PDB file of N, CA and C in Angstrom:
ATOM      1  N   UNK A   1     161.831  57.048 154.375  1.00  0.00           N
ATOM      2  CA  UNK A   1     162.951  56.477 153.678  1.00  0.00           C
ATOM      3  C   UNK A   1     164.117  57.466 153.725  1.00  0.00           C
ATOM      4  N   UNK A   2     165.273  57.022 154.161  1.00  0.00           N
ATOM      5  CA  UNK A   2     166.446  57.885 154.273  1.00  0.00           C
ATOM      6  C   UNK A   2     167.074  58.103 152.899  1.00  0.00           C
ATOM      7  N   UNK A   3     167.561  59.319 152.682  1.00  0.00           N
ATOM      8  CA  UNK A   3     168.215  59.663 151.424  1.00  0.00           C
ATOM      9  C   UNK A   3     169.716  59.448 151.555  1.00  0.00           C
ATOM     10  N   UNK A   4     170.332  58.987 150.484  1.00  0.00           N
ATOM     11  CA  UNK A   4     171.788  58.817 150.478  1.00  0.00           C
ATOM     12  C   UNK A   4     172.508  60.107 150.132  1.00  0.00           C
ATOM     13  N   UNK A   5     171.770  61.119 149.701  1.00  0.00           N
ATOM     14  CA  UNK A   5     172.380  62.396 149.350  1.00  0.00           C
ATOM     15  C   UNK A   5     172.528  63.246 150.612  1.00  0.00           C
ATOM     16  N   UNK A   6     173.666  63.918 150.747  1.00  0.00           N
ATOM     17  CA  UNK A   6     173.817  64.802 151.906  1.00  0.00           C
ATOM     18  C   UNK A   6     172.858  65.984 151.800  1.00  0.00           C
ATOM     19  N   UNK A   7     172.379  66.449 152.915  1.00  0.00           N
ATOM     20  CA  UNK A   7     171.454  67.586 152.895  1.00  0.00           C
ATOM     21  C   UNK A   7     172.168  68.882 152.522  1.00  0.00           C
ATOM     22  N   UNK A   8     173.479  68.914 152.736  1.00  0.00           N
ATOM     23  CA  UNK A   8     174.281  70.081 152.366  1.00  0.00           C
ATOM     24  C   UNK A   8     175.459  69.629 151.501  1.00  0.00           C
ATOM     25  N   UNK A   9     175.220  69.362 150.210  1.00  0.00           N
ATOM     26  CA  UNK A   9     176.296  68.859 149.359  1.00  0.00           C
ATOM     27  C   UNK A   9     177.415  69.888 149.189  1.00  0.00           C
ATOM     28  N   UNK A  10     178.641  69.404 149.211  1.00  0.00           N
ATOM     29  CA  UNK A  10     179.812  70.279 149.158  1.00  0.00           C
ATOM     30  C   UNK A  10     179.874  71.104 147.881  1.00  0.00           C
ATOM     31  N   UNK A  11     179.374  70.568 146.758  1.00  0.00           N
ATOM     32  CA  UNK A  11     179.461  71.314 145.503  1.00  0.00           C
ATOM     33  C   UNK A  11     178.473  72.485 145.448  1.00  0.00           C
ATOM     34  N   UNK A  12     177.672  72.641 146.489  1.00  0.00           N
ATOM     35  CA  UNK A  12     176.769  73.782 146.581  1.00  0.00           C
ATOM     36  C   UNK A  12     177.180  74.711 147.724  1.00  0.00           C
ATOM     37  N   UNK A  13     178.438  74.579 148.163  1.00  0.00           N
ATOM     38  CA  UNK A  13     178.937  75.390 149.267  1.00  0.00           C
ATOM     39  C   UNK A  13     179.608  76.673 148.799  1.00  0.00           C
ATOM     40  N   UNK A  14     179.361  77.732 149.515  1.00  0.00           N
ATOM     41  CA  UNK A  14     179.944  79.044 149.219  1.00  0.00           C
ATOM     42  C   UNK A  14     180.439  79.662 150.520  1.00  0.00           C
ATOM     43  N   UNK A  15     181.484  80.474 150.411  1.00  0.00           N
ATOM     44  CA  UNK A  15     181.942  81.281 151.544  1.00  0.00           C
ATOM     45  C   UNK A  15     181.637  82.731 151.186  1.00  0.00           C
ATOM     46  N   UNK A  16     180.989  83.425 152.105  1.00  0.00           N
ATOM     47  CA  UNK A  16     180.666  84.833 151.895  1.00  0.00           C
ATOM     48  C   UNK A  16     181.395  85.633 152.965  1.00  0.00           C
ATOM     49  N   UNK A  17     182.203  86.583 152.508  1.00  0.00           N
ATOM     50  CA  UNK A  17     182.906  87.482 153.429  1.00  0.00           C
ATOM     51  C   UNK A  17     182.385  88.891 153.203  1.00  0.00           C
ATOM     52  N   UNK A  18     182.004  89.566 154.269  1.00  0.00           N
ATOM     53  CA  UNK A  18     181.591  90.957 154.168  1.00  0.00           C
ATOM     54  C   UNK A  18     182.777  91.854 154.497  1.00  0.00           C
ATOM     55  N   UNK A  19     182.885  92.962 153.786  1.00  0.00           N
ATOM     56  CA  UNK A  19     183.934  93.923 154.099  1.00  0.00           C
ATOM     57  C   UNK A  19     183.754  94.415 155.531  1.00  0.00           C
ATOM     58  N   UNK A  20     184.840  94.779 156.171  1.00  0.00           N
ATOM     59  CA  UNK A  20     184.794  95.210 157.570  1.00  0.00           C
ATOM     60  C   UNK A  20     183.874  96.406 157.774  1.00  0.00           C
ATOM     61  N   UNK A  21     183.786  97.286 156.768  1.00  0.00           N
ATOM     62  CA  UNK A  21     182.950  98.474 156.927  1.00  0.00           C
ATOM     63  C   UNK A  21     181.540  98.308 156.355  1.00  0.00           C
ATOM     64  N   UNK A  22     181.200  97.113 155.878  1.00  0.00           N
ATOM     65  CA  UNK A  22     179.846  96.874 155.377  1.00  0.00           C
ATOM     66  C   UNK A  22     178.865  96.927 156.544  1.00  0.00           C
ATOM     67  N   UNK A  23     177.682  97.396 156.256  1.00  0.00           N
ATOM     68  CA  UNK A  23     176.649  97.523 157.287  1.00  0.00           C
ATOM     69  C   UNK A  23     175.383  96.812 156.809  1.00  0.00           C
ATOM     70  N   UNK A  24     175.368  95.466 156.913  1.00  0.00           N
ATOM     71  CA  UNK A  24     174.210  94.726 156.408  1.00  0.00           C
ATOM     72  C   UNK A  24     172.901  95.109 157.092  1.00  0.00           C
ATOM     73  N   UNK A  25     172.970  95.533 158.333  1.00  0.00           N
ATOM     74  CA  UNK A  25     171.748  95.947 159.036  1.00  0.00           C
ATOM     75  C   UNK A  25     171.132  97.191 158.401  1.00  0.00           C
ATOM     76  N   UNK A  26     171.930  97.890 157.581  1.00  0.00           N
ATOM     77  CA  UNK A  26     171.446  99.077 156.861  1.00  0.00           C
ATOM     78  C   UNK A  26     171.300  98.787 155.364  1.00  0.00           C
ATOM     79  N   UNK A  27     171.379  97.528 154.999  1.00  0.00           N
ATOM     80  CA  UNK A  27     171.239  97.147 153.603  1.00  0.00           C
ATOM     81  C   UNK A  27     172.516  97.256 152.802  1.00  0.00           C
ATOM     82  N   UNK A  28     173.643  97.466 153.469  1.00  0.00           N
ATOM     83  CA  UNK A  28     174.945  97.619 152.799  1.00  0.00           C
ATOM     84  C   UNK A  28     175.656  96.264 152.758  1.00  0.00           C
ATOM     85  N   UNK A  29     175.388  95.505 151.717  1.00  0.00           N
ATOM     86  CA  UNK A  29     176.007  94.188 151.535  1.00  0.00           C
ATOM     87  C   UNK A  29     177.118  94.321 150.508  1.00  0.00           C
ATOM     88  N   UNK A  30     178.340  94.360 150.982  1.00  0.00           N
ATOM     89  CA  UNK A  30     179.506  94.411 150.098  1.00  0.00           C
ATOM     90  C   UNK A  30     180.518  93.414 150.603  1.00  0.00           C
ATOM     91  N   UNK A  31     181.168  92.719 149.661  1.00  0.00           N
ATOM     92  CA  UNK A  31     182.173  91.761 150.078  1.00  0.00           C
ATOM     93  C   UNK A  31     182.621  90.872 148.950  1.00  0.00           C
ATOM     94  N   UNK A  32     182.947  89.638 149.315  1.00  0.00           N
ATOM     95  CA  UNK A  32     183.496  88.664 148.374  1.00  0.00           C
ATOM     96  C   UNK A  32     182.817  87.326 148.627  1.00  0.00           C
ATOM     97  N   UNK A  33     182.557  86.595 147.541  1.00  0.00           N
ATOM     98  CA  UNK A  33     181.957  85.264 147.641  1.00  0.00           C
ATOM     99  C   UNK A  33     182.823  84.302 146.840  1.00  0.00           C
ATOM    100  N   UNK A  34     182.988  83.090 147.369  1.00  0.00           N
ATOM    101  CA  UNK A  34     183.777  82.070 146.689  1.00  0.00           C
ATOM    102  C   UNK A  34     183.033  80.740 146.706  1.00  0.00           C
ATOM    103  N   UNK A  35     183.013  80.078 145.548  1.00  0.00           N
ATOM    104  CA  UNK A  35     182.413  78.753 145.431  1.00  0.00           C
ATOM    105  C   UNK A  35     183.461  77.739 145.874  1.00  0.00           C
ATOM    106  N   UNK A  36     183.145  76.923 146.857  1.00  0.00           N
ATOM    107  CA  UNK A  36     184.130  76.023 147.445  1.00  0.00           C
ATOM    108  C   UNK A  36     184.620  74.941 146.495  1.00  0.00           C
ATOM    109  N   UNK A  37     183.773  74.445 145.614  1.00  0.00           N
ATOM    110  CA  UNK A  37     184.165  73.352 144.725  1.00  0.00           C
ATOM    111  C   UNK A  37     185.037  73.815 143.566  1.00  0.00           C
ATOM    112  N   UNK A  38     184.762  74.997 143.021  1.00  0.00           N
ATOM    113  CA  UNK A  38     185.492  75.471 141.840  1.00  0.00           C
ATOM    114  C   UNK A  38     186.510  76.563 142.158  1.00  0.00           C
ATOM    115  N   UNK A  39     186.447  77.127 143.336  1.00  0.00           N
ATOM    116  CA  UNK A  39     187.288  78.255 143.750  1.00  0.00           C
ATOM    117  C   UNK A  39     186.996  79.527 142.957  1.00  0.00           C
ATOM    118  N   UNK A  40     185.918  79.530 142.186  1.00  0.00           N
ATOM    119  CA  UNK A  40     185.547  80.742 141.465  1.00  0.00           C
ATOM    120  C   UNK A  40     185.065  81.760 142.488  1.00  0.00           C
ATOM    121  N   UNK A  41     185.499  83.009 142.319  1.00  0.00           N
ATOM    122  CA  UNK A  41     185.178  84.034 143.310  1.00  0.00           C
ATOM    123  C   UNK A  41     184.771  85.326 142.613  1.00  0.00           C
ATOM    124  N   UNK A  42     184.067  86.167 143.354  1.00  0.00           N
ATOM    125  CA  UNK A  42     183.653  87.465 142.836  1.00  0.00           C
ATOM    126  C   UNK A  42     183.452  88.422 144.002  1.00  0.00           C
ATOM    127  N   UNK A  43     183.625  89.685 143.709  1.00  0.00           N
ATOM    128  CA  UNK A  43     183.287  90.726 144.676  1.00  0.00           C
ATOM    129  C   UNK A  43     181.862  91.167 144.369  1.00  0.00           C
ATOM    130  N   UNK A  44     181.126  91.553 145.391  1.00  0.00           N
ATOM    131  CA  UNK A  44     179.754  92.006 145.199  1.00  0.00           C
ATOM    132  C   UNK A  44     179.521  93.275 145.994  1.00  0.00           C
ATOM    133  N   UNK A  45     178.582  94.082 145.510  1.00  0.00           N
ATOM    134  CA  UNK A  45     178.257  95.335 146.191  1.00  0.00           C
ATOM    135  C   UNK A  45     176.775  95.406 146.560  1.00  0.00           C
ATOM    136  N   UNK A  46     176.066  94.280 146.382  1.00  0.00           N
ATOM    137  CA  UNK A  46     174.651  94.237 146.741  1.00  0.00           C
ATOM    138  C   UNK A  46     174.220  92.782 146.896  1.00  0.00           C
ATOM    139  N   UNK A  47     173.097  92.589 147.542  1.00  0.00           N
ATOM    140  CA  UNK A  47     172.531  91.247 147.674  1.00  0.00           C
ATOM    141  C   UNK A  47     172.206  90.703 146.287  1.00  0.00           C
ATOM    142  N   UNK A  48     171.743  91.573 145.396  1.00  0.00           N
ATOM    143  CA  UNK A  48     171.410  91.137 144.035  1.00  0.00           C
ATOM    144  C   UNK A  48     172.640  90.581 143.327  1.00  0.00           C
ATOM    145  N   UNK A  49     173.787  91.233 143.458  1.00  0.00           N
ATOM    146  CA  UNK A  49     175.014  90.729 142.834  1.00  0.00           C
ATOM    147  C   UNK A  49     175.452  89.415 143.471  1.00  0.00           C
ATOM    148  N   UNK A  50     175.315  89.305 144.777  1.00  0.00           N
ATOM    149  CA  UNK A  50     175.669  88.072 145.486  1.00  0.00           C
ATOM    150  C   UNK A  50     174.809  86.911 144.999  1.00  0.00           C
ATOM    151  N   UNK A  51     173.505  87.102 144.962  1.00  0.00           N
ATOM    152  CA  UNK A  51     172.624  86.019 144.549  1.00  0.00           C
ATOM    153  C   UNK A  51     172.776  85.709 143.059  1.00  0.00           C
ATOM    154  N   UNK A  52     173.084  86.709 142.246  1.00  0.00           N
ATOM    155  CA  UNK A  52     173.304  86.466 140.816  1.00  0.00           C
ATOM    156  C   UNK A  52     174.531  85.578 140.613  1.00  0.00           C
ATOM    157  N   UNK A  53     175.591  85.811 141.381  1.00  0.00           N
ATOM    158  CA  UNK A  53     176.795  84.983 141.284  1.00  0.00           C
ATOM    159  C   UNK A  53     176.464  83.539 141.661  1.00  0.00           C
ATOM    160  N   UNK A  54     175.783  83.359 142.778  1.00  0.00           N
ATOM    161  CA  UNK A  54     175.435  82.012 143.231  1.00  0.00           C
ATOM    162  C   UNK A  54     174.555  81.318 142.209  1.00  0.00           C
ATOM    163  N   UNK A  55     173.557  82.013 141.683  1.00  0.00           N
ATOM    164  CA  UNK A  55     172.662  81.420 140.690  1.00  0.00           C
ATOM    165  C   UNK A  55     173.427  81.030 139.427  1.00  0.00           C
ATOM    166  N   UNK A  56     174.356  81.866 138.988  1.00  0.00           N
ATOM    167  CA  UNK A  56     175.140  81.568 137.785  1.00  0.00           C
ATOM    168  C   UNK A  56     175.986  80.322 137.986  1.00  0.00           C
ATOM    169  N   UNK A  57     176.632  80.204 139.128  1.00  0.00           N
ATOM    170  CA  UNK A  57     177.467  79.043 139.418  1.00  0.00           C
ATOM    171  C   UNK A  57     176.625  77.774 139.462  1.00  0.00           C
ATOM    172  N   UNK A  58     175.504  77.823 140.151  1.00  0.00           N
ATOM    173  CA  UNK A  58     174.655  76.636 140.276  1.00  0.00           C
ATOM    174  C   UNK A  58     174.047  76.234 138.937  1.00  0.00           C
ATOM    175  N   UNK A  59     173.670  77.216 138.112  1.00  0.00           N
ATOM    176  CA  UNK A  59     173.118  76.893 136.795  1.00  0.00           C
ATOM    177  C   UNK A  59     174.176  76.220 135.924  1.00  0.00           C
ATOM    178  N   UNK A  60     175.393  76.754 135.930  1.00  0.00           N
ATOM    179  CA  UNK A  60     176.474  76.157 135.147  1.00  0.00           C
ATOM    180  C   UNK A  60     176.759  74.737 135.627  1.00  0.00           C
ATOM    181  N   UNK A  61     176.718  74.547 136.914  1.00  0.00           N
ATOM    182  CA  UNK A  61     176.956  73.226 137.503  1.00  0.00           C
ATOM    183  C   UNK A  61     175.876  72.237 137.070  1.00  0.00           C
ATOM    184  N   UNK A  62     174.608  72.672 137.087  1.00  0.00           N
ATOM    185  CA  UNK A  62     173.508  71.815 136.657  1.00  0.00           C
ATOM    186  C   UNK A  62     173.633  71.459 135.177  1.00  0.00           C
ATOM    187  N   UNK A  63     174.031  72.425 134.356  1.00  0.00           N
ATOM    188  CA  UNK A  63     174.198  72.171 132.921  1.00  0.00           C
ATOM    189  C   UNK A  63     175.325  71.163 132.681  1.00  0.00           C
ATOM    190  N   UNK A  64     176.403  71.298 133.428  1.00  0.00           N
ATOM    191  CA  UNK A  64     177.518  70.361 133.292  1.00  0.00           C
ATOM    192  C   UNK A  64     177.093  68.951 133.708  1.00  0.00           C
ATOM    193  N   UNK A  65     176.347  68.845 134.790  1.00  0.00           N
ATOM    194  CA  UNK A  65     175.862  67.537 135.236  1.00  0.00           C
ATOM    195  C   UNK A  65     174.933  66.915 134.191  1.00  0.00           C
ATOM    196  N   UNK A  66     174.077  67.732 133.554  1.00  0.00           N
ATOM    197  CA  UNK A  66     173.175  67.223 132.515  1.00  0.00           C
ATOM    198  C   UNK A  66     173.966  66.723 131.312  1.00  0.00           C
ATOM    199  N   UNK A  67     175.018  67.454 130.908  1.00  0.00           N
ATOM    200  CA  UNK A  67     175.867  67.007 129.802  1.00  0.00           C
ATOM    201  C   UNK A  67     176.555  65.708 130.151  1.00  0.00           C
ATOM    202  N   UNK A  68     177.030  65.587 131.385  1.00  0.00           N
ATOM    203  CA  UNK A  68     177.678  64.346 131.822  1.00  0.00           C
ATOM    204  C   UNK A  68     176.715  63.165 131.756  1.00  0.00           C
ATOM    205  N   UNK A  69     175.469  63.390 132.152  1.00  0.00           N
ATOM    206  CA  UNK A  69     174.467  62.324 132.124  1.00  0.00           C
ATOM    207  C   UNK A  69     174.173  61.908 130.678  1.00  0.00           C
ATOM    208  N   UNK A  70     174.085  62.896 129.783  1.00  0.00           N
ATOM    209  CA  UNK A  70     173.841  62.591 128.370  1.00  0.00           C
ATOM    210  C   UNK A  70     174.978  61.762 127.784  1.00  0.00           C
ATOM    211  N   UNK A  71     176.214  62.104 128.127  1.00  0.00           N
ATOM    212  CA  UNK A  71     177.379  61.366 127.641  1.00  0.00           C
ATOM    213  C   UNK A  71     177.353  59.927 128.152  1.00  0.00           C
ATOM    214  N   UNK A  72     176.954  59.749 129.389  1.00  0.00           N
ATOM    215  CA  UNK A  72     176.892  58.422 129.988  1.00  0.00           C
ATOM    216  C   UNK A  72     175.844  57.539 129.318  1.00  0.00           C
ATOM    217  N   UNK A  73     174.778  58.172 128.799  1.00  0.00           N
ATOM    218  CA  UNK A  73     173.701  57.422 128.155  1.00  0.00           C
ATOM    219  C   UNK A  73     174.081  56.941 126.757  1.00  0.00           C
ATOM    220  N   UNK A  74     175.060  57.582 126.163  1.00  0.00           N
ATOM    221  CA  UNK A  74     175.463  57.226 124.782  1.00  0.00           C
ATOM    222  C   UNK A  74     176.344  56.009 124.765  1.00  0.00           C
TER     223      UNK A  74
END
């Protein structure tokens, strides 16, 4: 059965830019990340900071969607 949802929804899109002198092959992940739907952005100096930003954005988005669904049910 085909799904009507896109496999890569736009509201889960991010742009990750690494600084020119970052060396990811040596574990040096530094740069900037931006959420495409909200334009919220942050600089990061590690993979942990990058993933924490993404997780925070997605969690907030899920909470907002849940609130919207609750409002619709009332």
